[in-house]
Amino acid sequence: MTLTLCRECGKQVSTEAQACPHCGAPSPSGQTLAQPVAPQVPPKQRSHSVPKAVSIGCIAGVVLLVVIGVIGDSSSDGTSRPEKPYVVTGDSKMISGGGRFGCMSRDDFKRIIQYAVQRDTGAFANALLTGYATGTCTAFREGEPVYITDTDVWAELVRVRQRGETREFWTTRNAVP
């Protein structure tokens, strides 16, 4: 009796078998299920290739991530954002322009700015005056020296500390160019 490998499952079967005892694959009219092999050779492992659809899906995913990265790296006016941070923490800067303010909480600052964007002057004034009254917001003077202590590049915000003060306030990046 000679042993061969089954064409379907790759396990050893007798050349005289009518069907593979492992997977049931038929042996057509006296043909063997596979080519005879020497018994001392272990059965060949089937290669586990990645289906073509999975490969194409992975490549498409990588391309999509690259496109999102390129789009996300451009500002709304089409100019590219700088590769390096626009400010370095610890830098001493001067407040640019009048009417600048900052809040201790980034969320409070964003909320107050949102009122201004929505042109809700009543909500903007109330929130800002409440912040001034509680000390959680402050007004900056043009040319006032500040130290940058943190940055939020994607929101284009910086956290600054006024000279001689320990409290830190979030404001817009263009307040300290």
N, C-alpha and C. Protein backbone atom coordinates (compact mmCIF):
# COMPACT_ATOMS: atom_id res chain seq x y z
N MET A 1 0.85 -1.17 0.00
CA MET A 1 0.00 0.00 0.00
C MET A 1 0.90 1.24 0.00
N THR A 2 0.62 2.15 -0.92
CA THR A 2 1.39 3.38 -1.05
C THR A 2 0.55 4.53 -0.50
N LEU A 3 1.24 5.46 0.17
CA LEU A 3 0.55 6.63 0.71
C LEU A 3 0.74 7.82 -0.21
N THR A 4 -0.28 8.62 -0.31
CA THR A 4 -0.23 9.86 -1.10
C THR A 4 -0.86 10.97 -0.28
N LEU A 5 -0.78 12.16 -0.82
CA LEU A 5 -1.43 13.30 -0.17
C LEU A 5 -2.75 13.59 -0.86
N CYS A 6 -3.78 13.85 -0.07
CA CYS A 6 -5.09 14.21 -0.61
C CYS A 6 -5.00 15.58 -1.25
N ARG A 7 -5.62 15.73 -2.45
CA ARG A 7 -5.60 17.02 -3.15
C ARG A 7 -6.43 18.08 -2.41
N GLU A 8 -7.39 17.66 -1.62
CA GLU A 8 -8.28 18.60 -0.94
C GLU A 8 -7.72 19.05 0.41
N CYS A 9 -7.39 18.11 1.29
CA CYS A 9 -6.99 18.48 2.64
C CYS A 9 -5.49 18.35 2.89
N GLY A 10 -4.75 17.69 2.00
CA GLY A 10 -3.32 17.58 2.14
C GLY A 10 -2.84 16.52 3.11
N LYS A 11 -3.75 15.71 3.65
CA LYS A 11 -3.34 14.66 4.60
C LYS A 11 -3.05 13.38 3.85
N GLN A 12 -2.30 12.47 4.49
CA GLN A 12 -1.91 11.22 3.84
C GLN A 12 -3.09 10.25 3.78
N VAL A 13 -3.23 9.63 2.58
CA VAL A 13 -4.26 8.60 2.38
C VAL A 13 -3.66 7.48 1.53
N SER A 14 -4.29 6.32 1.57
CA SER A 14 -3.85 5.18 0.77
C SER A 14 -4.23 5.41 -0.68
N THR A 15 -3.38 4.95 -1.60
CA THR A 15 -3.69 5.07 -3.03
C THR A 15 -4.86 4.17 -3.41
N GLU A 16 -5.18 3.19 -2.55
CA GLU A 16 -6.28 2.26 -2.83
C GLU A 16 -7.61 2.76 -2.27
N ALA A 17 -7.60 3.85 -1.53
CA ALA A 17 -8.83 4.36 -0.93
C ALA A 17 -9.73 4.96 -2.00
N GLN A 18 -11.06 4.71 -1.86
CA GLN A 18 -12.05 5.27 -2.78
C GLN A 18 -12.35 6.73 -2.48
N ALA A 19 -12.14 7.13 -1.22
CA ALA A 19 -12.36 8.51 -0.80
C ALA A 19 -11.40 8.81 0.35
N CYS A 20 -11.11 10.07 0.53
CA CYS A 20 -10.22 10.47 1.62
C CYS A 20 -10.95 10.26 2.95
N PRO A 21 -10.34 9.52 3.89
CA PRO A 21 -11.01 9.30 5.17
C PRO A 21 -11.06 10.57 6.05
N HIS A 22 -10.30 11.60 5.69
CA HIS A 22 -10.27 12.82 6.50
C HIS A 22 -11.30 13.84 6.04
N CYS A 23 -11.38 14.06 4.72
CA CYS A 23 -12.28 15.10 4.23
C CYS A 23 -13.37 14.56 3.32
N GLY A 24 -13.27 13.30 2.88
CA GLY A 24 -14.30 12.68 2.05
C GLY A 24 -14.17 12.96 0.57
N ALA A 25 -13.07 13.54 0.15
CA ALA A 25 -12.88 13.85 -1.27
C ALA A 25 -12.83 12.54 -2.06
N PRO A 26 -13.63 12.42 -3.16
CA PRO A 26 -13.67 11.17 -3.94
C PRO A 26 -12.40 10.97 -4.77
N SER A 27 -12.10 9.69 -5.07
CA SER A 27 -10.99 9.35 -5.96
C SER A 27 -11.62 8.84 -7.25
N PRO A 28 -11.60 9.61 -8.31
CA PRO A 28 -12.27 9.21 -9.55
C PRO A 28 -11.63 7.96 -10.16
N SER A 29 -12.44 7.03 -10.51
CA SER A 29 -12.16 5.74 -11.18
C SER A 29 -10.71 5.33 -11.23
N GLY A 30 -10.21 4.89 -10.09
CA GLY A 30 -8.88 4.32 -10.02
C GLY A 30 -7.76 5.32 -9.97
N GLN A 31 -8.04 6.63 -10.13
CA GLN A 31 -6.98 7.62 -10.02
C GLN A 31 -6.66 7.82 -8.55
N THR A 32 -5.46 8.16 -8.31
CA THR A 32 -5.08 8.43 -6.93
C THR A 32 -5.55 9.82 -6.55
N LEU A 33 -5.65 10.08 -5.26
CA LEU A 33 -6.09 11.38 -4.79
C LEU A 33 -5.01 12.43 -4.96
N ALA A 34 -3.76 12.01 -5.02
CA ALA A 34 -2.66 12.94 -5.21
C ALA A 34 -1.48 12.16 -5.74
N GLN A 35 -0.39 12.82 -5.96
CA GLN A 35 0.81 12.17 -6.43
C GLN A 35 1.43 11.38 -5.28
N PRO A 36 1.96 10.18 -5.53
CA PRO A 36 2.61 9.41 -4.46
C PRO A 36 3.79 10.18 -3.89
N VAL A 37 3.95 10.05 -2.57
CA VAL A 37 5.08 10.66 -1.91
C VAL A 37 5.76 9.64 -1.04
N ALA A 38 7.00 9.88 -0.75
CA ALA A 38 7.74 8.99 0.14
C ALA A 38 7.19 9.16 1.55
N PRO A 39 6.98 8.11 2.31
CA PRO A 39 6.40 8.21 3.63
C PRO A 39 7.22 9.05 4.61
N GLN A 40 8.53 9.15 4.44
CA GLN A 40 9.34 9.89 5.39
C GLN A 40 9.21 11.41 5.22
N VAL A 41 8.64 11.90 4.12
CA VAL A 41 8.49 13.33 3.88
C VAL A 41 7.20 13.80 4.55
N PRO A 42 7.26 14.80 5.43
CA PRO A 42 6.04 15.29 6.07
C PRO A 42 5.13 15.95 5.04
N PRO A 43 3.82 15.96 5.28
CA PRO A 43 2.90 16.56 4.31
C PRO A 43 3.18 18.06 4.16
N LYS A 44 3.01 18.53 2.94
CA LYS A 44 3.28 19.92 2.62
C LYS A 44 2.18 20.80 3.25
N GLN A 45 2.63 21.85 3.90
CA GLN A 45 1.68 22.79 4.51
C GLN A 45 1.10 23.67 3.41
N ARG A 46 -0.21 23.89 3.51
CA ARG A 46 -0.85 24.77 2.54
C ARG A 46 -0.47 26.21 2.86
N SER A 47 -0.21 26.97 1.84
CA SER A 47 0.11 28.37 2.08
C SER A 47 -1.19 29.13 2.35
N HIS A 48 -1.13 30.03 3.27
CA HIS A 48 -2.30 30.83 3.62
C HIS A 48 -2.12 32.22 3.02
N SER A 49 -2.49 32.33 1.76
CA SER A 49 -2.34 33.62 1.10
C SER A 49 -3.53 34.52 1.45
N VAL A 50 -3.27 35.81 1.45
CA VAL A 50 -4.30 36.79 1.77
C VAL A 50 -5.16 36.97 0.52
N PRO A 51 -6.49 36.89 0.67
CA PRO A 51 -7.35 37.09 -0.51
C PRO A 51 -7.11 38.47 -1.13
N LYS A 52 -7.28 38.52 -2.44
CA LYS A 52 -7.02 39.75 -3.18
C LYS A 52 -7.89 40.91 -2.68
N ALA A 53 -9.14 40.64 -2.33
CA ALA A 53 -10.04 41.69 -1.86
C ALA A 53 -9.54 42.31 -0.56
N VAL A 54 -8.98 41.48 0.33
CA VAL A 54 -8.45 42.00 1.59
C VAL A 54 -7.24 42.89 1.32
N SER A 55 -6.37 42.46 0.41
CA SER A 55 -5.20 43.26 0.06
C SER A 55 -5.60 44.61 -0.52
N ILE A 56 -6.56 44.60 -1.42
CA ILE A 56 -7.02 45.84 -2.03
C ILE A 56 -7.66 46.73 -0.97
N GLY A 57 -8.43 46.14 -0.05
CA GLY A 57 -9.05 46.91 1.03
C GLY A 57 -8.03 47.57 1.92
N CYS A 58 -6.95 46.84 2.25
CA CYS A 58 -5.89 47.41 3.09
C CYS A 58 -5.19 48.57 2.38
N ILE A 59 -4.90 48.39 1.12
CA ILE A 59 -4.24 49.45 0.35
C ILE A 59 -5.15 50.67 0.26
N ALA A 60 -6.43 50.45 0.01
CA ALA A 60 -7.38 51.57 -0.07
C ALA A 60 -7.47 52.29 1.27
N GLY A 61 -7.43 51.55 2.37
CA GLY A 61 -7.46 52.16 3.70
C GLY A 61 -6.26 53.04 3.95
N VAL A 62 -5.07 52.57 3.56
CA VAL A 62 -3.85 53.36 3.74
C VAL A 62 -3.91 54.63 2.90
N VAL A 63 -4.36 54.50 1.64
CA VAL A 63 -4.48 55.67 0.77
C VAL A 63 -5.46 56.67 1.38
N LEU A 64 -6.59 56.19 1.91
CA LEU A 64 -7.57 57.07 2.53
C LEU A 64 -6.98 57.81 3.73
N LEU A 65 -6.20 57.13 4.55
CA LEU A 65 -5.57 57.78 5.70
C LEU A 65 -4.58 58.85 5.25
N VAL A 66 -3.85 58.59 4.19
CA VAL A 66 -2.90 59.57 3.67
C VAL A 66 -3.65 60.80 3.16
N VAL A 67 -4.75 60.56 2.43
CA VAL A 67 -5.54 61.68 1.90
C VAL A 67 -6.11 62.51 3.04
N ILE A 68 -6.65 61.85 4.06
CA ILE A 68 -7.19 62.56 5.22
C ILE A 68 -6.09 63.36 5.90
N GLY A 69 -4.91 62.80 6.02
CA GLY A 69 -3.79 63.52 6.62
C GLY A 69 -3.40 64.74 5.83
N VAL A 70 -3.40 64.64 4.51
CA VAL A 70 -3.05 65.78 3.67
C VAL A 70 -4.12 66.86 3.76
N ILE A 71 -5.39 66.45 3.70
CA ILE A 71 -6.48 67.43 3.80
C ILE A 71 -6.49 68.05 5.19
N GLY A 72 -6.30 67.25 6.22
CA GLY A 72 -6.30 67.76 7.58
C GLY A 72 -5.11 68.65 7.87
N ASP A 73 -4.06 68.55 7.05
CA ASP A 73 -2.87 69.36 7.27
C ASP A 73 -2.93 70.68 6.55
N SER A 74 -4.04 70.94 5.88
CA SER A 74 -4.20 72.22 5.17
C SER A 74 -5.24 73.03 5.90
N SER A 75 -5.01 74.31 5.95
CA SER A 75 -5.99 75.19 6.57
C SER A 75 -7.11 75.47 5.58
N SER A 76 -8.15 76.16 6.02
CA SER A 76 -9.31 76.40 5.18
C SER A 76 -8.99 77.28 3.97
N ASP A 77 -7.94 78.09 4.03
CA ASP A 77 -7.61 78.94 2.90
C ASP A 77 -6.67 78.24 1.90
N GLY A 78 -6.40 76.95 2.13
CA GLY A 78 -5.60 76.17 1.20
C GLY A 78 -4.12 76.20 1.46
N THR A 79 -3.67 77.02 2.41
CA THR A 79 -2.25 77.06 2.71
C THR A 79 -1.91 75.90 3.63
N SER A 80 -0.71 75.45 3.56
CA SER A 80 -0.27 74.33 4.38
C SER A 80 0.09 74.82 5.78
N ARG A 81 -0.26 74.02 6.78
CA ARG A 81 0.12 74.35 8.15
C ARG A 81 1.61 74.08 8.32
N PRO A 82 2.24 74.78 9.23
CA PRO A 82 3.68 74.58 9.43
C PRO A 82 3.96 73.19 9.99
N GLU A 83 5.11 72.64 9.60
CA GLU A 83 5.48 71.32 10.09
C GLU A 83 5.93 71.39 11.55
N LYS A 84 6.59 72.47 11.92
CA LYS A 84 7.06 72.63 13.29
C LYS A 84 6.03 73.46 14.05
N PRO A 85 5.98 73.32 15.36
CA PRO A 85 5.05 74.14 16.13
C PRO A 85 5.33 75.62 15.88
N TYR A 86 4.27 76.41 15.79
CA TYR A 86 4.43 77.83 15.51
C TYR A 86 4.95 78.57 16.73
N VAL A 87 4.79 78.01 17.91
CA VAL A 87 5.34 78.61 19.13
C VAL A 87 5.97 77.52 19.95
N VAL A 88 6.89 77.90 20.75
CA VAL A 88 7.55 76.97 21.65
C VAL A 88 7.19 77.38 23.07
N THR A 89 6.78 76.41 23.88
CA THR A 89 6.45 76.77 25.25
C THR A 89 7.67 77.37 25.92
N GLY A 90 7.42 78.35 26.76
CA GLY A 90 8.50 79.06 27.42
C GLY A 90 8.88 80.34 26.71
N ASP A 91 8.45 80.49 25.44
CA ASP A 91 8.74 81.70 24.69
C ASP A 91 8.08 82.91 25.34
N SER A 92 8.78 84.01 25.34
CA SER A 92 8.22 85.28 25.78
C SER A 92 7.69 86.00 24.55
N LYS A 93 6.43 86.39 24.58
CA LYS A 93 5.79 87.05 23.44
C LYS A 93 5.06 88.29 23.93
N MET A 94 4.58 89.07 23.00
CA MET A 94 3.78 90.26 23.31
C MET A 94 2.39 90.06 22.73
N ILE A 95 1.38 90.50 23.45
CA ILE A 95 0.00 90.44 22.97
C ILE A 95 -0.12 91.39 21.78
N SER A 96 -0.71 90.90 20.71
CA SER A 96 -0.88 91.68 19.49
C SER A 96 -2.33 92.10 19.35
N GLY A 97 -2.57 93.39 19.14
CA GLY A 97 -3.92 93.89 18.92
C GLY A 97 -4.67 94.10 20.21
N GLY A 98 -5.70 94.89 20.14
CA GLY A 98 -6.52 95.18 21.31
C GLY A 98 -7.72 94.24 21.38
N GLY A 99 -8.41 94.27 22.51
CA GLY A 99 -9.63 93.47 22.68
C GLY A 99 -9.37 91.99 22.87
N ARG A 100 -8.17 91.63 23.24
CA ARG A 100 -7.84 90.21 23.46
C ARG A 100 -8.22 89.81 24.87
N PHE A 101 -8.68 88.55 25.00
CA PHE A 101 -8.99 88.02 26.32
C PHE A 101 -8.58 86.57 26.36
N GLY A 102 -8.55 86.01 27.55
CA GLY A 102 -8.23 84.61 27.72
C GLY A 102 -9.00 84.05 28.90
N CYS A 103 -9.16 82.73 28.92
CA CYS A 103 -9.87 82.05 30.01
C CYS A 103 -8.98 80.92 30.55
N MET A 104 -9.11 80.67 31.84
CA MET A 104 -8.32 79.61 32.47
C MET A 104 -8.68 78.24 31.90
N SER A 105 -9.95 78.04 31.57
CA SER A 105 -10.42 76.78 31.00
C SER A 105 -10.48 76.89 29.48
N ARG A 106 -9.87 75.96 28.81
CA ARG A 106 -9.93 75.93 27.35
C ARG A 106 -11.37 75.80 26.88
N ASP A 107 -12.16 74.97 27.57
CA ASP A 107 -13.56 74.78 27.19
C ASP A 107 -14.36 76.07 27.35
N ASP A 108 -14.12 76.81 28.44
CA ASP A 108 -14.81 78.09 28.63
C ASP A 108 -14.43 79.06 27.52
N PHE A 109 -13.14 79.11 27.17
CA PHE A 109 -12.70 80.01 26.11
C PHE A 109 -13.38 79.65 24.79
N LYS A 110 -13.41 78.35 24.44
CA LYS A 110 -14.04 77.92 23.20
C LYS A 110 -15.53 78.25 23.21
N ARG A 111 -16.20 78.08 24.35
CA ARG A 111 -17.63 78.36 24.47
C ARG A 111 -17.89 79.84 24.23
N ILE A 112 -17.10 80.71 24.85
CA ILE A 112 -17.29 82.15 24.68
C ILE A 112 -17.02 82.56 23.23
N ILE A 113 -15.99 82.01 22.63
CA ILE A 113 -15.70 82.30 21.22
C ILE A 113 -16.86 81.83 20.34
N GLN A 114 -17.45 80.69 20.67
CA GLN A 114 -18.58 80.17 19.89
C GLN A 114 -19.76 81.16 19.92
N TYR A 115 -20.00 81.81 21.07
CA TYR A 115 -21.05 82.83 21.14
C TYR A 115 -20.75 83.96 20.17
N ALA A 116 -19.49 84.37 20.08
CA ALA A 116 -19.11 85.44 19.16
C ALA A 116 -19.30 85.00 17.71
N VAL A 117 -18.92 83.76 17.40
CA VAL A 117 -19.08 83.23 16.04
C VAL A 117 -20.56 83.20 15.67
N GLN A 118 -21.41 82.84 16.63
CA GLN A 118 -22.85 82.79 16.39
C GLN A 118 -23.49 84.18 16.39
N ARG A 119 -22.68 85.20 16.65
CA ARG A 119 -23.13 86.59 16.71
C ARG A 119 -24.19 86.80 17.80
N ASP A 120 -24.08 86.02 18.87
CA ASP A 120 -24.96 86.19 20.02
C ASP A 120 -24.25 87.08 21.02
N THR A 121 -24.35 88.40 20.79
CA THR A 121 -23.59 89.36 21.59
C THR A 121 -24.02 89.35 23.06
N GLY A 122 -25.29 89.06 23.31
CA GLY A 122 -25.76 89.00 24.70
C GLY A 122 -25.10 87.87 25.47
N ALA A 123 -25.09 86.68 24.89
CA ALA A 123 -24.46 85.53 25.55
C ALA A 123 -22.96 85.75 25.68
N PHE A 124 -22.34 86.32 24.63
CA PHE A 124 -20.90 86.59 24.65
C PHE A 124 -20.57 87.55 25.80
N ALA A 125 -21.30 88.65 25.88
CA ALA A 125 -21.01 89.65 26.91
C ALA A 125 -21.26 89.09 28.31
N ASN A 126 -22.37 88.35 28.49
CA ASN A 126 -22.66 87.78 29.80
C ASN A 126 -21.58 86.79 30.24
N ALA A 127 -21.19 85.89 29.33
CA ALA A 127 -20.19 84.88 29.68
C ALA A 127 -18.84 85.53 29.99
N LEU A 128 -18.46 86.52 29.18
CA LEU A 128 -17.16 87.18 29.39
C LEU A 128 -17.16 88.00 30.69
N LEU A 129 -18.24 88.74 30.94
CA LEU A 129 -18.33 89.51 32.19
C LEU A 129 -18.34 88.60 33.41
N THR A 130 -19.02 87.46 33.32
CA THR A 130 -19.01 86.49 34.42
C THR A 130 -17.60 85.96 34.64
N GLY A 131 -16.89 85.68 33.56
CA GLY A 131 -15.51 85.22 33.65
C GLY A 131 -14.60 86.25 34.29
N TYR A 132 -14.78 87.53 33.91
CA TYR A 132 -13.99 88.61 34.51
C TYR A 132 -14.30 88.72 36.00
N ALA A 133 -15.58 88.64 36.35
CA ALA A 133 -16.00 88.80 37.75
C ALA A 133 -15.49 87.66 38.63
N THR A 134 -15.44 86.45 38.10
CA THR A 134 -15.00 85.30 38.90
C THR A 134 -13.49 85.10 38.83
N GLY A 135 -12.82 85.82 37.94
CA GLY A 135 -11.37 85.67 37.80
C GLY A 135 -10.96 84.52 36.92
N THR A 136 -11.93 83.87 36.25
CA THR A 136 -11.58 82.75 35.36
C THR A 136 -11.22 83.24 33.96
N CYS A 137 -11.49 84.51 33.66
CA CYS A 137 -11.11 85.13 32.39
C CYS A 137 -10.39 86.44 32.68
N THR A 138 -9.59 86.88 31.74
CA THR A 138 -8.86 88.14 31.90
C THR A 138 -8.79 88.85 30.57
N ALA A 139 -8.61 90.16 30.62
CA ALA A 139 -8.41 90.97 29.42
C ALA A 139 -6.92 91.24 29.27
N PHE A 140 -6.42 91.15 28.05
CA PHE A 140 -5.02 91.45 27.77
C PHE A 140 -4.91 92.84 27.17
N ARG A 141 -3.81 93.50 27.42
CA ARG A 141 -3.52 94.80 26.82
C ARG A 141 -2.58 94.57 25.63
N GLU A 142 -2.75 95.41 24.60
CA GLU A 142 -1.86 95.30 23.45
C GLU A 142 -0.42 95.58 23.88
N GLY A 143 0.52 94.71 23.46
CA GLY A 143 1.92 94.85 23.81
C GLY A 143 2.28 94.27 25.16
N GLU A 144 1.32 93.72 25.87
CA GLU A 144 1.58 93.13 27.20
C GLU A 144 2.46 91.88 27.04
N PRO A 145 3.54 91.77 27.81
CA PRO A 145 4.40 90.58 27.71
C PRO A 145 3.73 89.38 28.39
N VAL A 146 3.80 88.23 27.71
CA VAL A 146 3.26 86.98 28.24
C VAL A 146 4.24 85.85 27.93
N TYR A 147 4.11 84.76 28.66
CA TYR A 147 4.93 83.57 28.43
C TYR A 147 4.00 82.45 27.98
N ILE A 148 4.38 81.77 26.92
CA ILE A 148 3.58 80.66 26.41
C ILE A 148 3.89 79.42 27.25
N THR A 149 2.84 78.80 27.78
CA THR A 149 3.02 77.63 28.63
C THR A 149 2.48 76.35 28.01
N ASP A 150 1.60 76.46 27.01
CA ASP A 150 1.04 75.28 26.36
C ASP A 150 0.47 75.69 25.02
N THR A 151 0.30 74.72 24.12
CA THR A 151 -0.28 75.00 22.82
C THR A 151 -1.29 73.91 22.46
N ASP A 152 -2.28 74.30 21.69
CA ASP A 152 -3.23 73.37 21.08
C ASP A 152 -3.21 73.71 19.60
N VAL A 153 -2.30 73.07 18.87
CA VAL A 153 -2.03 73.42 17.48
C VAL A 153 -3.28 73.31 16.62
N TRP A 154 -4.04 72.22 16.77
CA TRP A 154 -5.19 71.99 15.90
C TRP A 154 -6.31 72.98 16.16
N ALA A 155 -6.49 73.42 17.39
CA ALA A 155 -7.52 74.42 17.70
C ALA A 155 -6.96 75.83 17.55
N GLU A 156 -5.66 75.96 17.25
CA GLU A 156 -4.97 77.23 17.11
C GLU A 156 -5.12 78.09 18.37
N LEU A 157 -4.89 77.44 19.52
CA LEU A 157 -4.94 78.12 20.81
C LEU A 157 -3.59 78.02 21.50
N VAL A 158 -3.31 78.99 22.35
CA VAL A 158 -2.12 78.95 23.20
C VAL A 158 -2.55 79.28 24.62
N ARG A 159 -1.84 78.70 25.58
CA ARG A 159 -2.05 79.07 26.99
C ARG A 159 -0.89 79.96 27.39
N VAL A 160 -1.22 81.11 27.95
CA VAL A 160 -0.18 82.08 28.30
C VAL A 160 -0.28 82.46 29.76
N ARG A 161 0.85 82.93 30.27
CA ARG A 161 0.94 83.45 31.64
C ARG A 161 1.45 84.87 31.54
N GLN A 162 0.76 85.79 32.20
CA GLN A 162 1.19 87.18 32.20
C GLN A 162 2.42 87.33 33.10
N ARG A 163 3.28 88.23 32.74
CA ARG A 163 4.51 88.46 33.50
C ARG A 163 4.15 88.79 34.96
N GLY A 164 4.80 88.08 35.89
CA GLY A 164 4.58 88.31 37.31
C GLY A 164 3.38 87.57 37.87
N GLU A 165 2.64 86.85 37.04
CA GLU A 165 1.44 86.14 37.48
C GLU A 165 1.68 84.63 37.41
N THR A 166 0.87 83.88 38.17
CA THR A 166 0.97 82.42 38.13
C THR A 166 -0.22 81.79 37.42
N ARG A 167 -1.31 82.53 37.28
CA ARG A 167 -2.48 82.00 36.59
C ARG A 167 -2.21 81.98 35.08
N GLU A 168 -2.75 80.96 34.41
CA GLU A 168 -2.54 80.79 32.97
C GLU A 168 -3.89 80.83 32.26
N PHE A 169 -3.92 81.42 31.07
CA PHE A 169 -5.15 81.63 30.34
C PHE A 169 -5.00 81.17 28.89
N TRP A 170 -6.05 80.53 28.36
CA TRP A 170 -6.09 80.13 26.96
C TRP A 170 -6.57 81.31 26.12
N THR A 171 -5.92 81.51 24.98
CA THR A 171 -6.33 82.55 24.04
C THR A 171 -6.00 82.07 22.63
N THR A 172 -6.33 82.88 21.62
CA THR A 172 -6.07 82.48 20.23
C THR A 172 -4.58 82.63 19.90
N ARG A 173 -4.13 81.82 18.97
CA ARG A 173 -2.73 81.85 18.57
C ARG A 173 -2.36 83.20 17.99
N ASN A 174 -3.26 83.83 17.25
CA ASN A 174 -2.90 85.10 16.61
C ASN A 174 -2.82 86.25 17.61
N ALA A 175 -3.14 86.01 18.89
CA ALA A 175 -2.97 87.04 19.91
C ALA A 175 -1.49 87.19 20.29
N VAL A 176 -0.69 86.16 19.98
CA VAL A 176 0.75 86.20 20.30
C VAL A 176 1.55 85.70 19.10
N PRO A 177 1.58 86.50 18.02
CA PRO A 177 2.27 86.03 16.79
C PRO A 177 3.77 85.93 16.97
